[in-house]
Amino acid sequence: MDLYSVMCVTDRARSVKWYEVFFGKPADEIIGEEYLWQVGENAWLVVDDREVRSARVGGAMITFGVTDLDAILARLDEHGIAHEPVETYGNGVRHVDILDPDGNSLSLAQAPADG
């Protein structure tokens, strides 16, 4: 099964620049007016600003499991992208919420190191 998660945005050019910083790379594919970042073997995040999506702008919530939370947050900080405070859950998972320019929520979660 493949997963395509669409982030509905108001300004494609602004959002593409933001997501390039968030992912640390340009889009992996551009299909028509959609920009796609591969986030897993069969998983993609799609940025789309077409009018047909306008009612859904800012309503997305997605969580990525990461292994390098501090490095990602440092890169975002370098580019002026703010985030909520990092929380540590009782099970040791570190979690942070980040909002894109339209208010879509992208969370990062890092499991504790084994040991």
PDB file of N, CA and C in Angstrom:
ATOM      1  N   MET A   1       0.842  -1.171   0.000  1.00  0.00           N
ATOM      2  CA  MET A   1       0.000   0.000   0.000  1.00  0.00           C
ATOM      3  C   MET A   1       0.895   1.245   0.000  1.00  0.00           C
ATOM      4  N   ASP A   2       0.497   2.245  -0.760  1.00  0.00           N
ATOM      5  CA  ASP A   2       1.202   3.517  -0.805  1.00  0.00           C
ATOM      6  C   ASP A   2       0.390   4.557  -0.046  1.00  0.00           C
ATOM      7  N   LEU A   3       1.072   5.566   0.483  1.00  0.00           N
ATOM      8  CA  LEU A   3       0.414   6.647   1.202  1.00  0.00           C
ATOM      9  C   LEU A   3       0.797   7.972   0.559  1.00  0.00           C
ATOM     10  N   TYR A   4      -0.202   8.784   0.240  1.00  0.00           N
ATOM     11  CA  TYR A   4      -0.002  10.142  -0.266  1.00  0.00           C
ATOM     12  C   TYR A   4      -0.763  11.074   0.661  1.00  0.00           C
ATOM     13  N   SER A   5      -0.057  11.845   1.459  1.00  0.00           N
ATOM     14  CA  SER A   5      -0.683  12.784   2.384  1.00  0.00           C
ATOM     15  C   SER A   5      -0.578  14.174   1.779  1.00  0.00           C
ATOM     16  N   VAL A   6      -1.722  14.805   1.525  1.00  0.00           N
ATOM     17  CA  VAL A   6      -1.750  16.097   0.849  1.00  0.00           C
ATOM     18  C   VAL A   6      -1.797  17.226   1.868  1.00  0.00           C
ATOM     19  N   MET A   7      -0.856  18.145   1.758  1.00  0.00           N
ATOM     20  CA  MET A   7      -0.845  19.361   2.564  1.00  0.00           C
ATOM     21  C   MET A   7      -1.411  20.470   1.682  1.00  0.00           C
ATOM     22  N   CYS A   8      -2.610  20.907   2.015  1.00  0.00           N
ATOM     23  CA  CYS A   8      -3.277  21.943   1.239  1.00  0.00           C
ATOM     24  C   CYS A   8      -2.748  23.297   1.688  1.00  0.00           C
ATOM     25  N   VAL A   9      -2.288  24.098   0.744  1.00  0.00           N
ATOM     26  CA  VAL A   9      -1.643  25.374   1.051  1.00  0.00           C
ATOM     27  C   VAL A   9      -2.227  26.487   0.184  1.00  0.00           C
ATOM     28  N   THR A  10      -1.975  27.734   0.585  1.00  0.00           N
ATOM     29  CA  THR A  10      -2.495  28.870  -0.169  1.00  0.00           C
ATOM     30  C   THR A  10      -1.519  29.408  -1.200  1.00  0.00           C
ATOM     31  N   ASP A  11      -0.231  29.238  -0.972  1.00  0.00           N
ATOM     32  CA  ASP A  11       0.794  29.817  -1.842  1.00  0.00           C
ATOM     33  C   ASP A  11       1.851  28.751  -2.095  1.00  0.00           C
ATOM     34  N   ARG A  12       1.768  28.133  -3.268  1.00  0.00           N
ATOM     35  CA  ARG A  12       2.669  27.023  -3.577  1.00  0.00           C
ATOM     36  C   ARG A  12       4.132  27.421  -3.503  1.00  0.00           C
ATOM     37  N   ALA A  13       4.501  28.549  -4.097  1.00  0.00           N
ATOM     38  CA  ALA A  13       5.915  28.944  -4.121  1.00  0.00           C
ATOM     39  C   ALA A  13       6.457  29.116  -2.701  1.00  0.00           C
ATOM     40  N   ARG A  14       5.704  29.800  -1.851  1.00  0.00           N
ATOM     41  CA  ARG A  14       6.135  30.004  -0.450  1.00  0.00           C
ATOM     42  C   ARG A  14       6.221  28.656   0.261  1.00  0.00           C
ATOM     43  N   SER A  15       5.221  27.815   0.056  1.00  0.00           N
ATOM     44  CA  SER A  15       5.192  26.530   0.748  1.00  0.00           C
ATOM     45  C   SER A  15       6.294  25.600   0.271  1.00  0.00           C
ATOM     46  N   VAL A  16       6.563  25.584  -1.021  1.00  0.00           N
ATOM     47  CA  VAL A  16       7.631  24.721  -1.527  1.00  0.00           C
ATOM     48  C   VAL A  16       8.954  25.117  -0.885  1.00  0.00           C
ATOM     49  N   LYS A  17       9.236  26.404  -0.778  1.00  0.00           N
ATOM     50  CA  LYS A  17      10.476  26.842  -0.119  1.00  0.00           C
ATOM     51  C   LYS A  17      10.512  26.380   1.330  1.00  0.00           C
ATOM     52  N   TRP A  18       9.374  26.507   2.038  1.00  0.00           N
ATOM     53  CA  TRP A  18       9.301  26.105   3.442  1.00  0.00           C
ATOM     54  C   TRP A  18       9.548  24.606   3.576  1.00  0.00           C
ATOM     55  N   TYR A  19       8.887  23.805   2.734  1.00  0.00           N
ATOM     56  CA  TYR A  19       9.043  22.350   2.816  1.00  0.00           C
ATOM     57  C   TYR A  19      10.440  21.899   2.390  1.00  0.00           C
ATOM     58  N   GLU A  20      11.077  22.625   1.502  1.00  0.00           N
ATOM     59  CA  GLU A  20      12.469  22.303   1.158  1.00  0.00           C
ATOM     60  C   GLU A  20      13.357  22.433   2.385  1.00  0.00           C
ATOM     61  N   VAL A  21      13.125  23.452   3.199  1.00  0.00           N
ATOM     62  CA  VAL A  21      13.881  23.594   4.446  1.00  0.00           C
ATOM     63  C   VAL A  21      13.485  22.489   5.417  1.00  0.00           C
ATOM     64  N   PHE A  22      12.183  22.263   5.578  1.00  0.00           N
ATOM     65  CA  PHE A  22      11.711  21.257   6.525  1.00  0.00           C
ATOM     66  C   PHE A  22      12.342  19.894   6.230  1.00  0.00           C
ATOM     67  N   PHE A  23      12.338  19.489   4.962  1.00  0.00           N
ATOM     68  CA  PHE A  23      12.885  18.188   4.595  1.00  0.00           C
ATOM     69  C   PHE A  23      14.378  18.222   4.282  1.00  0.00           C
ATOM     70  N   GLY A  24      14.947  19.402   4.155  1.00  0.00           N
ATOM     71  CA  GLY A  24      16.373  19.509   3.873  1.00  0.00           C
ATOM     72  C   GLY A  24      16.740  19.154   2.447  1.00  0.00           C
ATOM     73  N   LYS A  25      15.757  19.250   1.536  1.00  0.00           N
ATOM     74  CA  LYS A  25      16.012  18.913   0.134  1.00  0.00           C
ATOM     75  C   LYS A  25      14.851  19.403  -0.715  1.00  0.00           C
ATOM     76  N   PRO A  26      15.067  19.550  -2.020  1.00  0.00           N
ATOM     77  CA  PRO A  26      13.949  19.900  -2.912  1.00  0.00           C
ATOM     78  C   PRO A  26      12.992  18.721  -3.053  1.00  0.00           C
ATOM     79  N   ALA A  27      11.848  18.971  -3.621  1.00  0.00           N
ATOM     80  CA  ALA A  27      10.860  17.913  -3.852  1.00  0.00           C
ATOM     81  C   ALA A  27      11.483  16.777  -4.652  1.00  0.00           C
ATOM     82  N   ASP A  28      11.083  15.569  -4.323  1.00  0.00           N
ATOM     83  CA  ASP A  28      11.582  14.402  -5.048  1.00  0.00           C
ATOM     84  C   ASP A  28      10.920  14.252  -6.406  1.00  0.00           C
ATOM     85  N   GLU A  29       9.677  14.734  -6.508  1.00  0.00           N
ATOM     86  CA  GLU A  29       8.961  14.677  -7.775  1.00  0.00           C
ATOM     87  C   GLU A  29       8.035  15.876  -7.884  1.00  0.00           C
ATOM     88  N   ILE A  30       7.789  16.290  -9.106  1.00  0.00           N
ATOM     89  CA  ILE A  30       6.779  17.309  -9.400  1.00  0.00           C
ATOM     90  C   ILE A  30       5.865  16.692 -10.444  1.00  0.00           C
ATOM     91  N   ILE A  31       4.589  16.592 -10.091  1.00  0.00           N
ATOM     92  CA  ILE A  31       3.600  16.015 -11.001  1.00  0.00           C
ATOM     93  C   ILE A  31       2.533  17.074 -11.214  1.00  0.00           C
ATOM     94  N   GLY A  32       2.541  17.667 -12.388  1.00  0.00           N
ATOM     95  CA  GLY A  32       1.608  18.762 -12.652  1.00  0.00           C
ATOM     96  C   GLY A  32       1.886  19.916 -11.702  1.00  0.00           C
ATOM     97  N   GLU A  33       0.910  20.261 -10.896  1.00  0.00           N
ATOM     98  CA  GLU A  33       1.052  21.362  -9.940  1.00  0.00           C
ATOM     99  C   GLU A  33       1.351  20.867  -8.530  1.00  0.00           C
ATOM    100  N   GLU A  34       1.549  19.574  -8.367  1.00  0.00           N
ATOM    101  CA  GLU A  34       1.825  19.003  -7.053  1.00  0.00           C
ATOM    102  C   GLU A  34       3.320  18.739  -6.880  1.00  0.00           C
ATOM    103  N   TYR A  35       3.815  19.083  -5.688  1.00  0.00           N
ATOM    104  CA  TYR A  35       5.206  18.820  -5.323  1.00  0.00           C
ATOM    105  C   TYR A  35       5.206  17.704  -4.294  1.00  0.00           C
ATOM    106  N   LEU A  36       6.023  16.676  -4.521  1.00  0.00           N
ATOM    107  CA  LEU A  36       6.007  15.495  -3.674  1.00  0.00           C
ATOM    108  C   LEU A  36       7.370  15.235  -3.045  1.00  0.00           C
ATOM    109  N   TRP A  37       7.350  14.981  -1.732  1.00  0.00           N
ATOM    110  CA  TRP A  37       8.542  14.551  -1.009  1.00  0.00           C
ATOM    111  C   TRP A  37       8.314  13.123  -0.562  1.00  0.00           C
ATOM    112  N   GLN A  38       9.264  12.252  -0.861  1.00  0.00           N
ATOM    113  CA  GLN A  38       9.153  10.868  -0.410  1.00  0.00           C
ATOM    114  C   GLN A  38       9.606  10.818   1.037  1.00  0.00           C
ATOM    115  N   VAL A  39       8.718  10.366   1.917  1.00  0.00           N
ATOM    116  CA  VAL A  39       8.999  10.358   3.354  1.00  0.00           C
ATOM    117  C   VAL A  39       9.125   8.945   3.911  1.00  0.00           C
ATOM    118  N   GLY A  40       8.969   7.958   3.072  1.00  0.00           N
ATOM    119  CA  GLY A  40       9.112   6.555   3.441  1.00  0.00           C
ATOM    120  C   GLY A  40       9.167   5.732   2.169  1.00  0.00           C
ATOM    121  N   GLU A  41       9.364   4.449   2.326  1.00  0.00           N
ATOM    122  CA  GLU A  41       9.502   3.604   1.142  1.00  0.00           C
ATOM    123  C   GLU A  41       8.325   3.765   0.184  1.00  0.00           C
ATOM    124  N   ASN A  42       7.125   3.817   0.716  1.00  0.00           N
ATOM    125  CA  ASN A  42       5.925   3.960  -0.105  1.00  0.00           C
ATOM    126  C   ASN A  42       5.049   5.092   0.422  1.00  0.00           C
ATOM    127  N   ALA A  43       5.660   6.126   0.952  1.00  0.00           N
ATOM    128  CA  ALA A  43       4.904   7.224   1.564  1.00  0.00           C
ATOM    129  C   ALA A  43       5.411   8.563   1.041  1.00  0.00           C
ATOM    130  N   TRP A  44       4.450   9.434   0.703  1.00  0.00           N
ATOM    131  CA  TRP A  44       4.768  10.722   0.106  1.00  0.00           C
ATOM    132  C   TRP A  44       3.988  11.834   0.791  1.00  0.00           C
ATOM    133  N   LEU A  45       4.587  12.990   0.930  1.00  0.00           N
ATOM    134  CA  LEU A  45       3.883  14.192   1.335  1.00  0.00           C
ATOM    135  C   LEU A  45       3.758  15.063   0.091  1.00  0.00           C
ATOM    136  N   VAL A  46       2.541  15.519  -0.177  1.00  0.00           N
ATOM    137  CA  VAL A  46       2.236  16.275  -1.385  1.00  0.00           C
ATOM    138  C   VAL A  46       1.830  17.693  -0.994  1.00  0.00           C
ATOM    139  N   VAL A  47       2.433  18.698  -1.617  1.00  0.00           N
ATOM    140  CA  VAL A  47       2.045  20.098  -1.419  1.00  0.00           C
ATOM    141  C   VAL A  47       1.218  20.520  -2.623  1.00  0.00           C
ATOM    142  N   ASP A  48       0.021  21.044  -2.345  1.00  0.00           N
ATOM    143  CA  ASP A  48      -0.922  21.351  -3.422  1.00  0.00           C
ATOM    144  C   ASP A  48      -1.689  22.624  -3.066  1.00  0.00           C
ATOM    145  N   ASP A  49      -1.692  23.595  -3.976  1.00  0.00           N
ATOM    146  CA  ASP A  49      -2.420  24.853  -3.720  1.00  0.00           C
ATOM    147  C   ASP A  49      -3.564  25.084  -4.700  1.00  0.00           C
ATOM    148  N   ARG A  50      -4.000  24.025  -5.369  1.00  0.00           N
ATOM    149  CA  ARG A  50      -5.089  24.201  -6.324  1.00  0.00           C
ATOM    150  C   ARG A  50      -6.383  24.604  -5.614  1.00  0.00           C
ATOM    151  N   GLU A  51      -7.205  25.352  -6.321  1.00  0.00           N
ATOM    152  CA  GLU A  51      -8.467  25.866  -5.770  1.00  0.00           C
ATOM    153  C   GLU A  51      -9.342  24.753  -5.205  1.00  0.00           C
ATOM    154  N   VAL A  52      -9.314  23.594  -5.813  1.00  0.00           N
ATOM    155  CA  VAL A  52     -10.132  22.478  -5.356  1.00  0.00           C
ATOM    156  C   VAL A  52      -9.790  22.082  -3.918  1.00  0.00           C
ATOM    157  N   ARG A  53      -8.617  22.453  -3.447  1.00  0.00           N
ATOM    158  CA  ARG A  53      -8.170  22.104  -2.093  1.00  0.00           C
ATOM    159  C   ARG A  53      -8.370  23.246  -1.092  1.00  0.00           C
ATOM    160  N   SER A  54      -8.834  24.407  -1.520  1.00  0.00           N
ATOM    161  CA  SER A  54      -8.826  25.610  -0.680  1.00  0.00           C
ATOM    162  C   SER A  54      -9.603  25.464   0.624  1.00  0.00           C
ATOM    163  N   ALA A  55     -10.650  24.692   0.654  1.00  0.00           N
ATOM    164  CA  ALA A  55     -11.430  24.535   1.885  1.00  0.00           C
ATOM    165  C   ALA A  55     -10.668  23.747   2.947  1.00  0.00           C
ATOM    166  N   ARG A  56      -9.619  23.058   2.559  1.00  0.00           N
ATOM    167  CA  ARG A  56      -8.879  22.214   3.503  1.00  0.00           C
ATOM    168  C   ARG A  56      -7.558  22.822   3.964  1.00  0.00           C
ATOM    169  N   VAL A  57      -7.244  24.015   3.528  1.00  0.00           N
ATOM    170  CA  VAL A  57      -5.971  24.648   3.890  1.00  0.00           C
ATOM    171  C   VAL A  57      -5.867  24.788   5.404  1.00  0.00           C
ATOM    172  N   GLY A  58      -4.722  24.381   5.931  1.00  0.00           N
ATOM    173  CA  GLY A  58      -4.434  24.552   7.351  1.00  0.00           C
ATOM    174  C   GLY A  58      -5.008  23.483   8.253  1.00  0.00           C
ATOM    175  N   GLY A  59      -5.684  22.494   7.706  1.00  0.00           N
ATOM    176  CA  GLY A  59      -6.339  21.499   8.535  1.00  0.00           C
ATOM    177  C   GLY A  59      -5.596  20.189   8.697  1.00  0.00           C
ATOM    178  N   ALA A  60      -4.424  20.061   8.122  1.00  0.00           N
ATOM    179  CA  ALA A  60      -3.711  18.782   8.173  1.00  0.00           C
ATOM    180  C   ALA A  60      -2.925  18.631   9.466  1.00  0.00           C
ATOM    181  N   MET A  61      -2.846  17.395   9.918  1.00  0.00           N
ATOM    182  CA  MET A  61      -2.014  17.024  11.063  1.00  0.00           C
ATOM    183  C   MET A  61      -1.311  15.724  10.696  1.00  0.00           C
ATOM    184  N   ILE A  62       0.013  15.734  10.797  1.00  0.00           N
ATOM    185  CA  ILE A  62       0.782  14.547  10.440  1.00  0.00           C
ATOM    186  C   ILE A  62       1.968  14.452  11.388  1.00  0.00           C
ATOM    187  N   THR A  63       2.366  13.234  11.710  1.00  0.00           N
ATOM    188  CA  THR A  63       3.517  13.008  12.586  1.00  0.00           C
ATOM    189  C   THR A  63       4.533  12.142  11.851  1.00  0.00           C
ATOM    190  N   PHE A  64       5.789  12.549  11.921  1.00  0.00           N
ATOM    191  CA  PHE A  64       6.894  11.789  11.342  1.00  0.00           C
ATOM    192  C   PHE A  64       7.733  11.214  12.472  1.00  0.00           C
ATOM    193  N   GLY A  65       8.035   9.937  12.402  1.00  0.00           N
ATOM    194  CA  GLY A  65       9.005   9.347  13.317  1.00  0.00           C
ATOM    195  C   GLY A  65      10.397   9.622  12.781  1.00  0.00           C
ATOM    196  N   VAL A  66      11.255  10.191  13.613  1.00  0.00           N
ATOM    197  CA  VAL A  66      12.602  10.562  13.180  1.00  0.00           C
ATOM    198  C   VAL A  66      13.640   9.988  14.136  1.00  0.00           C
ATOM    199  N   THR A  67      14.879   9.949  13.678  1.00  0.00           N
ATOM    200  CA  THR A  67      15.978   9.474  14.520  1.00  0.00           C
ATOM    201  C   THR A  67      16.954  10.589  14.853  1.00  0.00           C
ATOM    202  N   ASP A  68      16.746  11.773  14.285  1.00  0.00           N
ATOM    203  CA  ASP A  68      17.706  12.875  14.442  1.00  0.00           C
ATOM    204  C   ASP A  68      16.992  14.190  14.760  1.00  0.00           C
ATOM    205  N   LEU A  69      16.133  14.175  15.769  1.00  0.00           N
ATOM    206  CA  LEU A  69      15.301  15.329  16.092  1.00  0.00           C
ATOM    207  C   LEU A  69      16.130  16.599  16.302  1.00  0.00           C
ATOM    208  N   ASP A  70      17.203  16.517  17.070  1.00  0.00           N
ATOM    209  CA  ASP A  70      17.999  17.720  17.353  1.00  0.00           C
ATOM    210  C   ASP A  70      18.604  18.314  16.090  1.00  0.00           C
ATOM    211  N   ALA A  71      19.072  17.484  15.180  1.00  0.00           N
ATOM    212  CA  ALA A  71      19.653  17.984  13.927  1.00  0.00           C
ATOM    213  C   ALA A  71      18.586  18.659  13.074  1.00  0.00           C
ATOM    214  N   ILE A  72      17.407  18.077  13.023  1.00  0.00           N
ATOM    215  CA  ILE A  72      16.321  18.678  12.236  1.00  0.00           C
ATOM    216  C   ILE A  72      15.943  20.028  12.829  1.00  0.00           C
ATOM    217  N   LEU A  73      15.787  20.089  14.152  1.00  0.00           N
ATOM    218  CA  LEU A  73      15.404  21.355  14.791  1.00  0.00           C
ATOM    219  C   LEU A  73      16.491  22.417  14.604  1.00  0.00           C
ATOM    220  N   ALA A  74      17.751  22.022  14.623  1.00  0.00           N
ATOM    221  CA  ALA A  74      18.839  22.976  14.386  1.00  0.00           C
ATOM    222  C   ALA A  74      18.746  23.546  12.972  1.00  0.00           C
ATOM    223  N   ARG A  75      18.471  22.683  11.983  1.00  0.00           N
ATOM    224  CA  ARG A  75      18.324  23.152  10.603  1.00  0.00           C
ATOM    225  C   ARG A  75      17.152  24.113  10.480  1.00  0.00           C
ATOM    226  N   LEU A  76      16.032  23.783  11.094  1.00  0.00           N
ATOM    227  CA  LEU A  76      14.870  24.665  11.045  1.00  0.00           C
ATOM    228  C   LEU A  76      15.176  26.001  11.714  1.00  0.00           C
ATOM    229  N   ASP A  77      15.831  25.958  12.868  1.00  0.00           N
ATOM    230  CA  ASP A  77      16.208  27.190  13.573  1.00  0.00           C
ATOM    231  C   ASP A  77      17.092  28.078  12.705  1.00  0.00           C
ATOM    232  N   GLU A  78      18.036  27.479  11.976  1.00  0.00           N
ATOM    233  CA  GLU A  78      18.928  28.238  11.092  1.00  0.00           C
ATOM    234  C   GLU A  78      18.149  29.014  10.047  1.00  0.00           C
ATOM    235  N   HIS A  79      16.976  28.508   9.685  1.00  0.00           N
ATOM    236  CA  HIS A  79      16.158  29.136   8.643  1.00  0.00           C
ATOM    237  C   HIS A  79      14.981  29.909   9.210  1.00  0.00           C
ATOM    238  N   GLY A  80      14.977  30.099  10.527  1.00  0.00           N
ATOM    239  CA  GLY A  80      13.929  30.900  11.152  1.00  0.00           C
ATOM    240  C   GLY A  80      12.579  30.223  11.243  1.00  0.00           C
ATOM    241  N   ILE A  81      12.543  28.907  11.163  1.00  0.00           N
ATOM    242  CA  ILE A  81      11.285  28.180  11.301  1.00  0.00           C
ATOM    243  C   ILE A  81      11.107  27.810  12.762  1.00  0.00           C
ATOM    244  N   ALA A  82      10.062  28.360  13.360  1.00  0.00           N
ATOM    245  CA  ALA A  82       9.803  28.164  14.781  1.00  0.00           C
ATOM    246  C   ALA A  82       9.096  26.831  15.026  1.00  0.00           C
ATOM    247  N   HIS A  83       9.167  26.392  16.251  1.00  0.00           N
ATOM    248  CA  HIS A  83       8.464  25.178  16.667  1.00  0.00           C
ATOM    249  C   HIS A  83       8.035  25.328  18.121  1.00  0.00           C
ATOM    250  N   GLU A  84       7.108  24.501  18.510  1.00  0.00           N
ATOM    251  CA  GLU A  84       6.671  24.461  19.900  1.00  0.00           C
ATOM    252  C   GLU A  84       7.800  23.865  20.742  1.00  0.00           C
ATOM    253  N   PRO A  85       7.725  23.995  22.066  1.00  0.00           N
ATOM    254  CA  PRO A  85       8.732  23.347  22.909  1.00  0.00           C
ATOM    255  C   PRO A  85       8.717  21.830  22.731  1.00  0.00           C
ATOM    256  N   VAL A  86       9.877  21.227  22.839  1.00  0.00           N
ATOM    257  CA  VAL A  86       9.992  19.772  22.750  1.00  0.00           C
ATOM    258  C   VAL A  86       9.461  19.176  24.052  1.00  0.00           C
ATOM    259  N   GLU A  87       8.577  18.202  23.907  1.00  0.00           N
ATOM    260  CA  GLU A  87       8.040  17.483  25.064  1.00  0.00           C
ATOM    261  C   GLU A  87       8.692  16.106  25.125  1.00  0.00           C
ATOM    262  N   THR A  88       8.872  15.593  26.336  1.00  0.00           N
ATOM    263  CA  THR A  88       9.316  14.215  26.508  1.00  0.00           C
ATOM    264  C   THR A  88       8.220  13.477  27.249  1.00  0.00           C
ATOM    265  N   TYR A  89       7.684  12.449  26.607  1.00  0.00           N
ATOM    266  CA  TYR A  89       6.606  11.661  27.184  1.00  0.00           C
ATOM    267  C   TYR A  89       7.162  10.671  28.199  1.00  0.00           C
ATOM    268  N   GLY A  90       6.282  10.102  28.990  1.00  0.00           N
ATOM    269  CA  GLY A  90       6.673   9.149  30.019  1.00  0.00           C
ATOM    270  C   GLY A  90       7.422   7.940  29.482  1.00  0.00           C
ATOM    271  N   ASN A  91       7.177   7.593  28.233  1.00  0.00           N
ATOM    272  CA  ASN A  91       7.875   6.456  27.629  1.00  0.00           C
ATOM    273  C   ASN A  91       9.202   6.848  26.988  1.00  0.00           C
ATOM    274  N   GLY A  92       9.588   8.123  27.147  1.00  0.00           N
ATOM    275  CA  GLY A  92      10.871   8.590  26.624  1.00  0.00           C
ATOM    276  C   GLY A  92      10.818   9.182  25.226  1.00  0.00           C
ATOM    277  N   VAL A  93       9.674   9.115  24.559  1.00  0.00           N
ATOM    278  CA  VAL A  93       9.553   9.696  23.222  1.00  0.00           C
ATOM    279  C   VAL A  93       9.619  11.210  23.329  1.00  0.00           C
ATOM    280  N   ARG A  94      10.457  11.814  22.485  1.00  0.00           N
ATOM    281  CA  ARG A  94      10.545  13.272  22.386  1.00  0.00           C
ATOM    282  C   ARG A  94       9.691  13.702  21.207  1.00  0.00           C
ATOM    283  N   HIS A  95       8.864  14.745  21.417  1.00  0.00           N
ATOM    284  CA  HIS A  95       7.858  15.135  20.431  1.00  0.00           C
ATOM    285  C   HIS A  95       7.825  16.652  20.331  1.00  0.00           C
ATOM    286  N   VAL A  96       7.637  17.156  19.102  1.00  0.00           N
ATOM    287  CA  VAL A  96       7.532  18.603  18.888  1.00  0.00           C
ATOM    288  C   VAL A  96       6.571  18.875  17.741  1.00  0.00           C
ATOM    289  N   ASP A  97       5.802  19.949  17.875  1.00  0.00           N
ATOM    290  CA  ASP A  97       4.885  20.383  16.829  1.00  0.00           C
ATOM    291  C   ASP A  97       5.481  21.564  16.074  1.00  0.00           C
ATOM    292  N   ILE A  98       5.311  21.547  14.756  1.00  0.00           N
ATOM    293  CA  ILE A  98       5.782  22.615  13.875  1.00  0.00           C
ATOM    294  C   ILE A  98       4.630  22.953  12.943  1.00  0.00           C
ATOM    295  N   LEU A  99       4.364  24.234  12.747  1.00  0.00           N
ATOM    296  CA  LEU A  99       3.301  24.654  11.843  1.00  0.00           C
ATOM    297  C   LEU A  99       3.898  25.212  10.564  1.00  0.00           C
ATOM    298  N   ASP A 100       3.349  24.788   9.427  1.00  0.00           N
ATOM    299  CA  ASP A 100       3.775  25.372   8.158  1.00  0.00           C
ATOM    300  C   ASP A 100       3.135  26.756   8.013  1.00  0.00           C
ATOM    301  N   PRO A 101       3.447  27.514   6.981  1.00  0.00           N
ATOM    302  CA  PRO A 101       2.919  28.879   6.845  1.00  0.00           C
ATOM    303  C   PRO A 101       1.390  28.969   6.819  1.00  0.00           C
ATOM    304  N   ASP A 102       0.702  27.876   6.525  1.00  0.00           N
ATOM    305  CA  ASP A 102      -0.758  27.886   6.493  1.00  0.00           C
ATOM    306  C   ASP A 102      -1.381  27.286   7.746  1.00  0.00           C
ATOM    307  N   GLY A 103      -0.574  26.883   8.703  1.00  0.00           N
ATOM    308  CA  GLY A 103      -1.099  26.321   9.935  1.00  0.00           C
ATOM    309  C   GLY A 103      -1.263  24.812   9.933  1.00  0.00           C
ATOM    310  N   ASN A 104      -0.824  24.137   8.877  1.00  0.00           N
ATOM    311  CA  ASN A 104      -0.814  22.677   8.894  1.00  0.00           C
ATOM    312  C   ASN A 104       0.194  22.226   9.943  1.00  0.00           C
ATOM    313  N   SER A 105      -0.157  21.222  10.723  1.00  0.00           N
ATOM    314  CA  SER A 105       0.691  20.750  11.814  1.00  0.00           C
ATOM    315  C   SER A 105       1.521  19.557  11.379  1.00  0.00           C
ATOM    316  N   LEU A 106       2.827  19.710  11.494  1.00  0.00           N
ATOM    317  CA  LEU A 106       3.761  18.620  11.229  1.00  0.00           C
ATOM    318  C   LEU A 106       4.487  18.354  12.534  1.00  0.00           C
ATOM    319  N   SER A 107       4.304  17.178  13.074  1.00  0.00           N
ATOM    320  CA  SER A 107       4.952  16.810  14.334  1.00  0.00           C
ATOM    321  C   SER A 107       6.129  15.880  14.048  1.00  0.00           C
ATOM    322  N   LEU A 108       7.136  15.988  14.882  1.00  0.00           N
ATOM    323  CA  LEU A 108       8.285  15.096  14.816  1.00  0.00           C
ATOM    324  C   LEU A 108       8.345  14.337  16.135  1.00  0.00           C
ATOM    325  N   ALA A 109       8.560  13.040  16.076  1.00  0.00           N
ATOM    326  CA  ALA A 109       8.647  12.210  17.269  1.00  0.00           C
ATOM    327  C   ALA A 109       9.873  11.310  17.162  1.00  0.00           C
ATOM    328  N   GLN A 110      10.680  11.316  18.218  1.00  0.00           N
ATOM    329  CA  GLN A 110      11.878  10.484  18.251  1.00  0.00           C
ATOM    330  C   GLN A 110      11.780   9.552  19.432  1.00  0.00           C
ATOM    331  N   ALA A 111      11.849   8.248  19.160  1.00  0.00           N
ATOM    332  CA  ALA A 111      11.845   7.244  20.212  1.00  0.00           C
ATOM    333  C   ALA A 111      13.174   7.283  20.969  1.00  0.00           C
ATOM    334  N   PRO A 112      13.150   6.879  22.228  1.00  0.00           N
ATOM    335  CA  PRO A 112      14.413   6.878  22.985  1.00  0.00           C
ATOM    336  C   PRO A 112      15.388   5.852  22.409  1.00  0.00           C
ATOM    337  N   ALA A 113      16.658   6.140  22.576  1.00  0.00           N
ATOM    338  CA  ALA A 113      17.686   5.202  22.115  1.00  0.00           C
ATOM    339  C   ALA A 113      17.614   3.937  22.966  1.00  0.00           C
ATOM    340  N   ASP A 114      17.863   2.803  22.340  1.00  0.00           N
ATOM    341  CA  ASP A 114      17.883   1.545  23.093  1.00  0.00           C
ATOM    342  C   ASP A 114      19.036   1.581  24.081  1.00  0.00           C
ATOM    343  N   GLY A 115      18.819   1.000  25.191  1.00  0.00           N
ATOM    344  CA  GLY A 115      19.968   0.903  26.047  1.00  0.00           C
ATOM    345  C   GLY A 115      19.669   0.999  27.440  1.00  0.00           C
TER     346      GLY A 115
END
